[in-house]
Amino acid sequence: MFILITIVVLFASSTLAQISPGDLTKAHAKLEGLSNCTKCHVLGEKVYNSKCLDCHTEINSLIKSNKGYHATSDVKGKDCWSCHSEHHGSNFRIVNFNPDKFDHSKTSFKLTGKHEKIKCGDCHQSKYIKDSNIKKRSKTYLGLSGECSACHEDNHQGTLGTDCFSCHNTEAFNPAKKFNHSEAAFKLTGAHIKTACVSCHKLEKRRGKDFQVFKPLEFASCTSCHKDVHQGKFGNDCKTCHSTVSFKNINQQSFDHSKTSFQLAGKHQSVQCNQCHKENLTAKLNHQLCVDCHVDFHKGQFIKDGKIEDCSSCHNESGFKPSLYTIFRHNQTKFQLTGSHLAEPCKSCHQKIEDWKFRELGNDCLSCHKNSHGNELTEKYLRNGDCTSCHSTEFWNTITFDHNKTDFKLLGKHENVKCGTCHSKENLIKVKEYKFVSLGKDCITCHKDVHFGQFKDKESSCLSCHSFNDWKPVKFDHNKTKFSLDGAHKKLNCSQCHKTVNESGTVFVKFKLEDFKCAACHS
């Protein structure tokens, strides 16, 4: 019996050695045994690839899809056993693969960009493999799909599809250099080109993660992104007034300002929008008063009861000049315009220096006119700066002064003498000066002393001999002198006794005689 068993064992061993060339690798160890041979071999024939691919379905799928290394010309048409032979022992390396020297471009996934710099193990990990059977294997390079989402998280959460390469490249996710907004449904123009993406594509939290909304996004009208500051007053088509270049770039030809609460009239029609809408063209402007836009040129002179009077009482939109303030209105003030004042331009009185002045402007003549008389007039004749005691508004040279109200009444020929004859004198620099208070009342103030001081000790004035009608001494009485005229002396001509003399170059009639003896005249 022992001998029989021994013979059977020896025969079986000899037969097995002839059928199996050697042990299978650890990967195929479960196929050891005569009963498993046909799982790989066809009796009497070679090992067919179909047998290998019946088990290695993942390779079969890649080949059928014309993907992966096994679908390339390097492998296609070859027998599997020519690269992966068996029966060389359990420790035989059936897959003779060196990842460091492998040309990845021979697969259906060519390494470019940052993929060239990463390690094989960074991608070929079980966590990126979806097939549960392959996922169980260790150190496998199979099972990865060529889709970005196989390794990378889809930050768009499926909203932009699976074709990442339509926007991104392998250099970097950000920026999305391959994305062309001009190919999108919303073309970028004007200021939109320079606008940061996040200004339109907002960041939010979605499914507990940071999410930027790219699609779907409303853009049918400007109000999808921009607030309608006009609150629908001008409709929804913002392009009728605005362009994408800038909100402040207004199409004035198409914009109808009459739809607003401020209709443009006069010079307002030619004003550029930004001259009024300086900071924000869409901002609401106060326009109840002119000073809401215009500087108060009169610097608060027309404030009444704490409120500024509106400019429309004097001006309109046709221009600040000319003023609409009429003479009739002016004559309702404390200062009525008469005479030459009617022909004077407003600025003659109201713009003496630079600023226009209306309030606290004096009503007397000296508020506008220079007092050419200085201190020559007393308060009696220039009361409170009022020149009308002599002058009128018709003409300065028309004098209506009553000289008889002074201490020097005009009599005789004085009545016909012009004022300037006595009151106007030229000074040393040939400028006329008018004298009144400082003008003496004596005759010699205006008239030359033709007697050259002969009567300077006489207490009476020239009026003791002369009148105002002429220079003849009609009032002179010789009998009131020290030498009375008697007899033939009465008939003598004055010049017979009062000779013309020349003393020190001065020629005059000698009236003041020192010697009254007869021999002084008679020889």
Protein backbone atom coordinates (compact mmCIF):
# COMPACT_ATOMS: atom_id res chain seq x y z
CA MET A 1 0.00 0.00 0.00
CA PHE A 2 2.80 2.41 0.90
CA ILE A 3 4.54 1.50 -2.33
CA LEU A 4 1.36 2.28 -4.31
CA ILE A 5 0.89 5.65 -2.69
CA THR A 6 4.50 6.50 -3.29
CA ILE A 7 4.21 5.58 -6.97
CA VAL A 8 1.06 7.73 -7.36
CA VAL A 9 2.72 10.74 -5.69
CA LEU A 10 5.84 10.40 -7.79
CA PHE A 11 3.77 10.09 -10.93
CA ALA A 12 1.64 13.12 -10.06
CA SER A 13 4.72 15.20 -9.36
CA SER A 14 6.31 14.17 -12.57
CA THR A 15 3.14 14.90 -14.54
CA LEU A 16 2.66 18.32 -12.88
CA ALA A 17 6.24 19.25 -13.61
CA GLN A 18 5.67 18.48 -17.23
CA ILE A 19 2.37 20.50 -17.39
CA SER A 20 3.39 23.59 -15.31
CA PRO A 21 6.72 25.27 -16.17
CA GLY A 22 6.89 26.94 -12.77
CA ASP A 23 5.07 28.71 -9.97
CA LEU A 24 2.79 31.65 -10.71
CA THR A 25 3.51 35.15 -9.41
CA LYS A 26 1.85 36.31 -6.25
CA ALA A 27 -0.62 38.31 -8.34
CA HIS A 28 -1.88 35.09 -10.00
CA ALA A 29 -1.28 32.74 -7.06
CA LYS A 30 -4.98 32.05 -6.69
CA LEU A 31 -4.89 30.40 -10.13
CA GLU A 32 -2.44 27.71 -9.05
CA GLY A 33 -3.59 24.10 -9.73
CA LEU A 34 -4.49 21.96 -12.68
CA SER A 35 -8.13 22.87 -12.47
CA ASN A 36 -7.33 26.56 -13.14
CA CYS A 37 -5.06 26.17 -16.13
CA THR A 38 -7.82 26.66 -18.68
CA LYS A 39 -8.66 30.01 -17.14
CA CYS A 40 -5.59 31.36 -18.90
CA HIS A 41 -4.60 28.62 -21.39
CA VAL A 42 -6.46 27.05 -24.28
CA LEU A 43 -5.54 23.33 -24.36
CA GLY A 44 -3.20 22.57 -27.14
CA GLU A 45 -2.84 26.19 -28.15
CA LYS A 46 -1.00 29.37 -27.09
CA VAL A 47 -2.21 31.83 -24.50
CA TYR A 48 -4.65 34.20 -26.14
CA ASN A 49 -4.98 37.90 -25.15
CA SER A 50 -8.71 37.42 -24.86
CA LYS A 51 -8.13 35.13 -21.88
CA CYS A 52 -6.05 37.82 -20.16
CA LEU A 53 -8.56 40.52 -20.96
CA ASP A 54 -11.43 38.41 -19.61
CA CYS A 55 -9.90 38.94 -16.18
CA HIS A 56 -8.21 42.28 -16.70
CA THR A 57 -11.41 44.07 -17.65
CA GLU A 58 -9.95 47.50 -16.80
CA ILE A 59 -7.30 47.01 -19.51
CA ASN A 60 -9.89 45.64 -21.90
CA SER A 61 -12.05 48.77 -21.41
CA LEU A 62 -9.14 51.09 -22.09
CA ILE A 63 -8.19 49.24 -25.26
CA LYS A 64 -11.76 49.27 -26.53
CA SER A 65 -11.90 53.03 -25.78
CA ASN A 66 -8.55 53.48 -27.52
CA LYS A 67 -7.17 54.98 -24.35
CA GLY A 68 -4.16 54.35 -22.18
CA TYR A 69 -0.76 52.89 -22.83
CA HIS A 70 -2.14 49.47 -23.98
CA ALA A 71 -3.99 51.19 -26.83
CA THR A 72 -0.83 52.78 -28.25
CA SER A 73 1.22 51.50 -31.16
CA ASP A 74 3.88 50.34 -28.70
CA VAL A 75 1.54 47.65 -27.39
CA LYS A 76 -1.26 47.19 -29.88
CA GLY A 77 -1.00 43.81 -31.71
CA LYS A 78 1.37 42.27 -29.19
CA ASP A 79 0.66 39.26 -27.04
CA CYS A 80 0.14 40.00 -23.38
CA TRP A 81 2.61 37.29 -22.34
CA SER A 82 5.38 38.93 -24.41
CA CYS A 83 5.60 41.58 -21.67
CA HIS A 84 3.89 39.83 -18.80
CA SER A 85 5.11 36.19 -18.87
CA GLU A 86 4.31 33.81 -16.05
CA HIS A 87 5.55 30.67 -14.25
CA HIS A 88 8.84 32.28 -13.21
CA GLY A 89 8.20 31.97 -9.54
CA SER A 90 6.07 33.75 -7.00
CA ASN A 91 8.49 36.65 -6.63
CA PHE A 92 8.87 37.28 -10.31
CA ARG A 93 8.17 40.90 -11.39
CA ILE A 94 5.40 40.33 -13.95
CA VAL A 95 4.91 44.07 -14.55
CA ASN A 96 8.30 45.41 -15.53
CA PHE A 97 7.46 49.10 -15.10
CA ASN A 98 9.76 51.98 -14.02
CA PRO A 99 7.62 55.06 -13.25
CA ASP A 100 10.63 57.38 -13.26
CA LYS A 101 11.46 56.54 -16.86
CA PHE A 102 7.92 56.10 -18.17
CA ASP A 103 6.89 58.39 -21.02
CA HIS A 104 3.48 59.59 -19.88
CA SER A 105 2.77 61.10 -23.29
CA LYS A 106 2.19 57.50 -24.51
CA THR A 107 -0.96 57.43 -22.43
CA SER A 108 -4.12 59.31 -23.31
CA PHE A 109 -3.19 61.89 -20.68
CA LYS A 110 -0.15 63.95 -21.61
CA LEU A 111 1.57 65.75 -18.74
CA THR A 112 1.81 69.52 -19.27
CA GLY A 113 2.24 72.56 -17.07
CA LYS A 114 2.31 71.85 -13.38
CA HIS A 115 1.52 68.17 -14.02
CA GLU A 116 5.10 67.77 -15.26
CA LYS A 117 6.50 68.80 -11.89
CA ILE A 118 4.44 66.62 -9.55
CA LYS A 119 5.24 63.09 -8.42
CA CYS A 120 3.41 60.04 -9.80
CA GLY A 121 2.11 59.21 -6.37
CA ASP A 122 0.44 62.59 -6.07
CA CYS A 123 -2.14 61.52 -8.63
CA HIS A 124 -2.01 57.73 -8.63
CA GLN A 125 -3.72 57.21 -5.29
CA SER A 126 -6.58 54.93 -4.44
CA LYS A 127 -8.71 57.83 -3.29
CA TYR A 128 -8.89 59.10 -6.87
CA ILE A 129 -9.97 55.70 -8.28
CA LYS A 130 -13.68 55.16 -8.71
CA ASP A 131 -13.61 51.45 -9.70
CA SER A 132 -13.90 49.56 -6.40
CA ASN A 133 -12.01 46.52 -7.72
CA ILE A 134 -9.03 48.58 -8.86
CA LYS A 135 -9.26 50.74 -5.79
CA LYS A 136 -8.35 47.69 -3.68
CA ARG A 137 -5.07 47.16 -5.48
CA SER A 138 -1.86 48.54 -4.15
CA LYS A 139 0.66 50.42 -6.26
CA THR A 140 -1.55 50.46 -9.33
CA TYR A 141 -1.37 53.09 -12.04
CA LEU A 142 -4.75 52.15 -13.46
CA GLY A 143 -8.20 53.37 -12.63
CA LEU A 144 -7.73 57.12 -13.11
CA SER A 145 -9.93 58.94 -15.61
CA GLY A 146 -8.59 61.85 -17.64
CA GLU A 147 -11.16 64.26 -16.19
CA CYS A 148 -9.95 67.09 -13.96
CA SER A 149 -12.63 66.32 -11.40
CA ALA A 150 -11.00 62.86 -10.84
CA CYS A 151 -8.21 64.58 -8.88
CA HIS A 152 -9.38 68.14 -8.40
CA GLU A 153 -12.39 69.42 -6.54
CA ASP A 154 -14.96 71.13 -8.74
CA ASN A 155 -15.18 74.54 -7.09
CA HIS A 156 -17.99 75.43 -9.48
CA GLN A 157 -20.08 72.56 -8.08
CA GLY A 158 -21.22 71.39 -11.52
CA THR A 159 -22.61 74.77 -12.63
CA LEU A 160 -20.10 75.08 -15.51
CA GLY A 161 -20.03 71.49 -16.78
CA THR A 162 -17.04 69.13 -16.82
CA ASP A 163 -14.86 70.67 -19.55
CA CYS A 164 -12.40 72.52 -17.33
CA PHE A 165 -10.03 73.09 -20.26
CA SER A 166 -12.49 75.47 -21.90
CA CYS A 167 -11.36 78.06 -19.31
CA HIS A 168 -8.29 76.72 -17.49
CA ASN A 169 -4.95 75.28 -18.46
CA THR A 170 -2.50 73.11 -16.54
CA GLU A 171 -0.30 76.06 -15.61
CA ALA A 172 -2.67 77.43 -12.96
CA PHE A 173 -6.33 77.47 -12.11
CA ASN A 174 -6.25 81.22 -11.53
CA PRO A 175 -6.45 83.22 -13.69
CA ALA A 176 -8.58 81.30 -16.14
CA LYS A 177 -6.45 82.29 -19.13
CA LYS A 178 -8.38 80.32 -21.71
CA PHE A 179 -11.68 81.96 -20.84
CA ASN A 180 -12.77 84.60 -23.37
CA HIS A 181 -15.66 86.71 -22.12
CA SER A 182 -16.36 87.92 -25.64
CA GLU A 183 -17.50 84.39 -26.48
CA ALA A 184 -19.94 84.42 -23.60
CA ALA A 185 -23.54 85.57 -23.85
CA PHE A 186 -22.55 88.85 -22.13
CA LYS A 187 -19.81 90.70 -24.02
CA LEU A 188 -17.59 92.99 -21.95
CA THR A 189 -17.27 96.57 -23.20
CA GLY A 190 -16.15 99.89 -21.75
CA ALA A 191 -15.60 99.94 -18.00
CA HIS A 192 -16.79 96.32 -17.74
CA ILE A 193 -13.47 95.23 -19.24
CA LYS A 194 -11.54 96.63 -16.28
CA THR A 195 -14.05 95.56 -13.65
CA ALA A 196 -12.87 92.85 -11.26
CA CYS A 197 -14.68 89.54 -11.83
CA VAL A 198 -15.84 89.42 -8.22
CA SER A 199 -17.74 92.70 -8.72
CA CYS A 200 -20.28 90.82 -10.85
CA HIS A 201 -19.57 87.22 -9.90
CA LYS A 202 -20.18 87.40 -6.18
CA LEU A 203 -18.69 85.14 -3.53
CA GLU A 204 -21.02 83.21 -1.28
CA LYS A 205 -21.27 80.08 0.79
CA ARG A 206 -22.87 77.08 -0.93
CA ARG A 207 -22.99 73.60 0.56
CA GLY A 208 -20.77 74.89 3.32
CA LYS A 209 -17.98 75.90 0.94
CA ASP A 210 -16.78 79.11 -0.69
CA PHE A 211 -18.53 79.49 -4.02
CA GLN A 212 -18.28 82.09 -6.77
CA VAL A 213 -21.37 82.44 -8.93
CA PHE A 214 -20.60 82.34 -12.63
CA LYS A 215 -23.68 80.64 -13.95
CA PRO A 216 -26.59 81.19 -14.04
CA LEU A 217 -26.32 84.98 -13.78
CA GLU A 218 -28.97 87.54 -14.72
CA PHE A 219 -27.85 90.19 -17.21
CA ALA A 220 -30.94 90.98 -19.27
CA SER A 221 -30.84 94.61 -18.09
CA CYS A 222 -28.41 96.91 -16.31
CA THR A 223 -30.51 96.71 -13.16
CA SER A 224 -29.55 93.04 -12.87
CA CYS A 225 -26.26 94.30 -11.40
CA HIS A 226 -26.71 98.04 -10.91
CA LYS A 227 -29.15 99.82 -8.65
CA ASP A 228 -31.62 102.01 -10.50
CA VAL A 229 -31.07 105.28 -8.70
CA HIS A 230 -33.79 106.82 -10.88
CA GLN A 231 -36.30 104.33 -9.44
CA GLY A 232 -37.78 103.52 -12.84
CA LYS A 233 -38.45 107.15 -13.74
CA PHE A 234 -36.52 106.87 -17.00
CA GLY A 235 -37.46 103.28 -17.89
CA ASN A 236 -35.27 100.18 -17.91
CA ASP A 237 -33.14 100.89 -20.98
CA CYS A 238 -30.15 102.62 -19.39
CA LYS A 239 -28.35 102.71 -22.75
CA THR A 240 -30.54 105.60 -23.90
CA CYS A 241 -28.48 107.85 -21.62
CA HIS A 242 -25.48 105.89 -20.39
CA SER A 243 -22.74 103.83 -21.98
CA THR A 244 -20.50 101.15 -20.54
CA VAL A 245 -17.54 103.53 -20.81
CA SER A 246 -18.75 105.39 -17.73
CA PHE A 247 -21.99 106.25 -15.99
CA LYS A 248 -20.82 109.86 -16.08
CA ASN A 249 -20.52 109.75 -19.86
CA ILE A 250 -24.05 110.86 -20.63
CA ASN A 251 -25.50 110.96 -24.12
CA GLN A 252 -26.88 114.49 -23.90
CA GLN A 253 -28.51 114.31 -27.30
CA SER A 254 -30.74 111.43 -26.34
CA PHE A 255 -31.32 112.30 -22.69
CA ASP A 256 -34.55 114.21 -22.16
CA HIS A 257 -33.98 116.44 -19.14
CA SER A 258 -37.59 117.60 -19.29
CA LYS A 259 -38.57 114.28 -17.74
CA THR A 260 -36.83 115.38 -14.58
CA SER A 261 -38.15 117.85 -12.03
CA PHE A 262 -35.74 120.48 -13.38
CA GLN A 263 -36.38 121.52 -16.97
CA LEU A 264 -33.47 123.12 -18.78
CA ALA A 265 -34.03 126.64 -20.10
CA GLY A 266 -31.79 129.38 -21.47
CA LYS A 267 -28.08 128.88 -20.93
CA HIS A 268 -28.76 125.72 -18.90
CA GLN A 269 -29.39 124.00 -22.23
CA SER A 270 -25.75 124.40 -23.29
CA VAL A 271 -24.21 123.43 -19.94
CA GLN A 272 -22.32 120.12 -19.79
CA CYS A 273 -23.88 117.57 -17.43
CA ASN A 274 -20.81 117.32 -15.20
CA GLN A 275 -20.82 121.07 -14.59
CA CYS A 276 -23.85 120.53 -12.35
CA HIS A 277 -23.53 116.81 -11.64
CA LYS A 278 -19.92 117.12 -10.51
CA GLU A 279 -19.39 114.05 -8.32
CA ASN A 280 -22.06 111.56 -9.31
CA LEU A 281 -24.21 111.98 -12.38
CA THR A 282 -26.87 109.75 -10.92
CA ALA A 283 -27.09 111.57 -7.61
CA LYS A 284 -30.11 113.74 -6.92
CA LEU A 285 -29.30 117.44 -6.83
CA ASN A 286 -31.02 120.19 -4.90
CA HIS A 287 -32.30 122.79 -7.33
CA GLN A 288 -34.88 124.81 -5.47
CA LEU A 289 -32.59 127.84 -5.35
CA CYS A 290 -29.98 129.11 -7.79
CA VAL A 291 -27.36 128.98 -5.02
CA ASP A 292 -27.79 125.20 -4.88
CA CYS A 293 -25.53 125.18 -7.94
CA HIS A 294 -24.22 128.71 -8.26
CA VAL A 295 -21.94 130.53 -5.84
CA ASP A 296 -23.69 133.36 -4.04
CA PHE A 297 -22.01 136.12 -6.00
CA HIS A 298 -23.40 138.72 -3.61
CA LYS A 299 -22.01 136.97 -0.53
CA GLY A 300 -25.13 136.94 1.61
CA GLN A 301 -26.28 140.49 0.93
CA PHE A 302 -29.77 139.28 0.05
CA ILE A 303 -30.58 137.20 3.11
CA LYS A 304 -33.93 138.05 4.56
CA ASP A 305 -35.39 136.50 7.70
CA GLY A 306 -32.55 133.99 7.70
CA LYS A 307 -33.27 132.82 4.15
CA ILE A 308 -31.51 133.87 0.97
CA GLU A 309 -33.67 135.56 -1.64
CA ASP A 310 -33.78 133.73 -4.95
CA CYS A 311 -31.75 135.15 -7.84
CA SER A 312 -34.79 135.05 -10.14
CA SER A 313 -35.92 138.41 -8.76
CA CYS A 314 -33.10 140.03 -10.77
CA HIS A 315 -31.74 137.34 -13.13
CA ASN A 316 -32.99 134.53 -15.38
CA GLU A 317 -31.56 131.56 -17.24
CA SER A 318 -30.72 133.69 -20.30
CA GLY A 319 -27.75 135.12 -18.42
CA PHE A 320 -26.74 136.94 -15.29
CA LYS A 321 -26.43 140.06 -17.41
CA PRO A 322 -28.32 142.26 -17.93
CA SER A 323 -30.06 142.42 -14.60
CA LEU A 324 -33.86 142.33 -14.60
CA TYR A 325 -33.92 144.83 -11.77
CA THR A 326 -35.84 147.84 -13.13
CA ILE A 327 -35.64 151.57 -12.46
CA PHE A 328 -39.20 151.40 -11.21
CA ARG A 329 -38.15 148.93 -8.52
CA HIS A 330 -35.08 151.01 -7.71
CA ASN A 331 -37.28 154.06 -7.17
CA GLN A 332 -39.20 152.12 -4.56
CA THR A 333 -36.05 152.02 -2.44
CA LYS A 334 -34.74 154.81 -0.21
CA PHE A 335 -32.56 156.05 -3.07
CA GLN A 336 -34.56 157.11 -6.11
CA LEU A 337 -32.81 157.51 -9.47
CA THR A 338 -33.21 160.96 -11.03
CA GLY A 339 -31.35 163.11 -13.52
CA SER A 340 -27.97 161.81 -14.63
CA HIS A 341 -28.27 158.86 -12.25
CA LEU A 342 -30.73 157.33 -14.71
CA ALA A 343 -27.99 157.01 -17.32
CA GLU A 344 -25.36 155.57 -15.00
CA PRO A 345 -24.57 151.82 -15.24
CA CYS A 346 -25.26 149.90 -12.05
CA LYS A 347 -21.61 149.17 -11.37
CA SER A 348 -20.77 152.88 -11.14
CA CYS A 349 -22.32 152.85 -7.68
CA HIS A 350 -22.55 149.16 -6.81
CA GLN A 351 -19.11 147.94 -7.92
CA LYS A 352 -16.62 150.50 -6.75
CA ILE A 353 -13.73 148.05 -6.31
CA GLU A 354 -14.17 144.35 -7.09
CA ASP A 355 -17.21 143.05 -5.25
CA TRP A 356 -20.72 144.21 -5.96
CA LYS A 357 -22.25 145.98 -3.00
CA PHE A 358 -25.97 146.53 -2.51
CA ARG A 359 -26.70 146.41 1.18
CA GLU A 360 -25.32 149.04 3.57
CA LEU A 361 -24.68 151.36 0.65
CA GLY A 362 -25.08 155.00 1.76
CA ASN A 363 -27.80 157.21 0.31
CA ASP A 364 -25.84 160.49 0.50
CA CYS A 365 -23.81 161.96 -2.36
CA LEU A 366 -20.47 161.35 -0.68
CA SER A 367 -21.13 157.59 -0.60
CA CYS A 368 -20.35 157.58 -4.32
CA HIS A 369 -18.84 160.95 -5.10
CA LYS A 370 -15.59 162.38 -3.80
CA ASN A 371 -15.89 165.49 -1.67
CA SER A 372 -13.88 167.84 -3.86
CA HIS A 373 -14.43 170.67 -1.39
CA GLY A 374 -12.66 169.02 1.49
CA ASN A 375 -13.10 171.18 4.62
CA GLU A 376 -14.14 174.26 2.63
CA LEU A 377 -17.82 173.67 3.33
CA THR A 378 -19.38 173.79 6.75
CA GLU A 379 -22.00 171.35 8.00
CA LYS A 380 -24.58 174.04 7.24
CA TYR A 381 -24.05 173.60 3.51
CA LEU A 382 -23.05 169.90 3.44
CA ARG A 383 -25.42 168.38 5.94
CA ASN A 384 -24.92 164.60 6.26
CA GLY A 385 -22.98 164.52 2.98
CA ASP A 386 -25.92 165.96 1.04
CA CYS A 387 -24.69 168.08 -1.86
CA THR A 388 -28.18 169.13 -3.03
CA SER A 389 -27.93 172.48 -1.25
CA CYS A 390 -25.85 173.54 -4.29
CA HIS A 391 -25.97 170.75 -6.90
CA SER A 392 -28.65 168.66 -8.57
CA THR A 393 -28.59 165.22 -10.18
CA GLU A 394 -29.14 166.80 -13.58
CA PHE A 395 -25.63 168.24 -13.96
CA TRP A 396 -22.85 169.03 -11.51
CA ASN A 397 -22.12 172.44 -13.03
CA THR A 398 -25.70 173.58 -12.57
CA ILE A 399 -25.47 175.43 -9.26
CA THR A 400 -28.63 176.49 -7.45
CA PHE A 401 -26.94 177.99 -4.38
CA ASP A 402 -28.45 181.15 -2.88
CA HIS A 403 -25.40 183.24 -1.98
CA ASN A 404 -27.51 185.79 -0.11
CA LYS A 405 -27.99 183.24 2.66
CA THR A 406 -24.32 183.61 3.50
CA ASP A 407 -22.52 186.42 5.28
CA PHE A 408 -21.46 187.81 1.90
CA LYS A 409 -24.42 188.97 -0.16
CA LEU A 410 -23.94 189.47 -3.86
CA LEU A 411 -24.66 193.05 -4.95
CA GLY A 412 -24.07 195.03 -8.10
CA LYS A 413 -21.72 193.45 -10.55
CA HIS A 414 -21.09 190.56 -8.14
CA GLU A 415 -24.47 189.23 -9.14
CA ASN A 416 -23.22 188.51 -12.66
CA VAL A 417 -19.85 187.07 -11.75
CA LYS A 418 -19.37 183.28 -12.19
CA CYS A 419 -18.79 181.31 -9.01
CA GLY A 420 -15.40 180.08 -10.20
CA THR A 421 -14.15 183.63 -10.64
CA CYS A 422 -13.98 184.05 -6.89
CA HIS A 423 -14.05 180.49 -5.57
CA SER A 424 -11.76 178.68 -8.04
CA LYS A 425 -8.02 179.15 -7.87
CA GLU A 426 -5.12 177.21 -9.36
CA ASN A 427 -2.63 175.82 -6.89
CA LEU A 428 1.10 175.50 -7.41
CA ILE A 429 0.71 172.38 -9.55
CA LYS A 430 -1.92 174.04 -11.79
CA VAL A 431 -4.85 172.12 -10.29
CA LYS A 432 -8.05 174.01 -9.57
CA GLU A 433 -9.05 174.28 -5.97
CA TYR A 434 -12.36 175.58 -4.73
CA LYS A 435 -12.29 177.88 -1.71
CA PHE A 436 -15.28 178.70 0.43
CA VAL A 437 -14.69 178.78 4.17
CA SER A 438 -11.06 179.83 3.79
CA LEU A 439 -12.00 182.62 1.37
CA GLY A 440 -11.87 186.04 3.02
CA LYS A 441 -14.66 188.60 2.69
CA ASP A 442 -12.35 191.58 2.14
CA CYS A 443 -12.17 193.08 -1.34
CA ILE A 444 -8.45 192.45 -1.62
CA THR A 445 -9.19 188.69 -1.32
CA CYS A 446 -10.29 188.81 -4.92
CA HIS A 447 -9.24 192.26 -6.15
CA LYS A 448 -5.76 193.76 -6.52
CA ASP A 449 -4.95 196.72 -4.27
CA VAL A 450 -4.29 199.37 -6.90
CA HIS A 451 -3.49 201.84 -4.15
CA PHE A 452 -0.59 199.66 -2.97
CA GLY A 453 -1.27 199.94 0.73
CA GLN A 454 -2.01 203.66 0.91
CA PHE A 455 -5.18 202.93 2.84
CA LYS A 456 -4.07 199.94 4.87
CA ASP A 457 -4.48 201.87 8.08
CA LYS A 458 -8.02 202.85 7.17
CA GLU A 459 -10.55 201.14 9.37
CA SER A 460 -13.22 200.99 6.70
CA SER A 461 -13.06 198.75 3.63
CA CYS A 462 -13.09 199.68 -0.01
CA LEU A 463 -16.82 200.24 0.35
CA SER A 464 -16.12 203.58 1.97
CA CYS A 465 -15.25 204.89 -1.50
CA HIS A 466 -16.49 202.36 -3.99
CA SER A 467 -19.76 200.54 -4.68
CA PHE A 468 -20.44 197.15 -6.26
CA ASN A 469 -21.52 198.71 -9.55
CA ASP A 470 -18.12 199.98 -10.75
CA TRP A 471 -14.73 201.13 -9.51
CA LYS A 472 -15.52 204.81 -9.51
CA PRO A 473 -15.22 206.36 -6.02
CA VAL A 474 -18.85 207.42 -5.96
CA LYS A 475 -19.01 207.15 -2.22
CA PHE A 476 -15.82 209.16 -1.54
CA ASP A 477 -16.35 212.51 0.25
CA HIS A 478 -13.16 214.67 0.12
CA ASN A 479 -14.52 216.95 2.80
CA LYS A 480 -14.28 214.09 5.29
CA THR A 481 -10.54 213.98 4.80
CA LYS A 482 -7.91 216.19 6.39
CA PHE A 483 -8.02 218.40 3.31
CA SER A 484 -11.47 219.82 2.53
CA LEU A 485 -12.09 221.12 -0.97
CA ASP A 486 -13.13 224.77 -1.08
CA GLY A 487 -13.39 227.37 -3.77
CA ALA A 488 -11.55 226.59 -6.97
CA HIS A 489 -10.34 223.32 -5.51
CA LYS A 490 -13.84 221.92 -6.08
CA LYS A 491 -13.46 222.29 -9.81
CA LEU A 492 -10.08 220.65 -10.08
CA ASN A 493 -9.54 217.22 -11.64
CA CYS A 494 -8.29 214.69 -9.08
CA SER A 495 -5.18 214.02 -11.17
CA GLN A 496 -4.07 217.63 -10.88
CA CYS A 497 -3.23 217.05 -7.24
CA HIS A 498 -2.95 213.25 -7.14
CA LYS A 499 -0.15 212.50 -9.54
CA THR A 500 0.93 209.12 -10.92
CA VAL A 501 4.21 208.24 -9.30
CA ASN A 502 6.84 205.51 -9.58
CA GLU A 503 8.26 204.30 -6.34
CA SER A 504 10.74 201.47 -6.46
CA GLY A 505 9.32 200.32 -9.76
CA THR A 506 5.71 200.48 -8.62
CA VAL A 507 3.49 202.86 -10.56
CA PHE A 508 0.37 204.09 -8.84
CA VAL A 509 -1.70 207.21 -8.18
CA LYS A 510 -0.60 209.02 -5.09
CA PHE A 511 -3.70 209.67 -3.00
CA LYS A 512 -2.15 209.71 0.41
CA LEU A 513 -0.40 213.09 0.54
CA GLU A 514 1.90 213.88 3.46
CA ASP A 515 2.14 217.71 2.92
CA PHE A 516 -1.00 219.86 2.58
CA LYS A 517 0.73 223.24 2.46
CA CYS A 518 -0.08 225.45 -0.52
CA ALA A 519 3.53 225.52 -1.53
CA ALA A 520 3.42 221.74 -1.92
CA CYS A 521 1.23 222.19 -4.97
CA HIS A 522 1.63 225.86 -5.89
CA SER A 523 4.99 227.35 -6.72
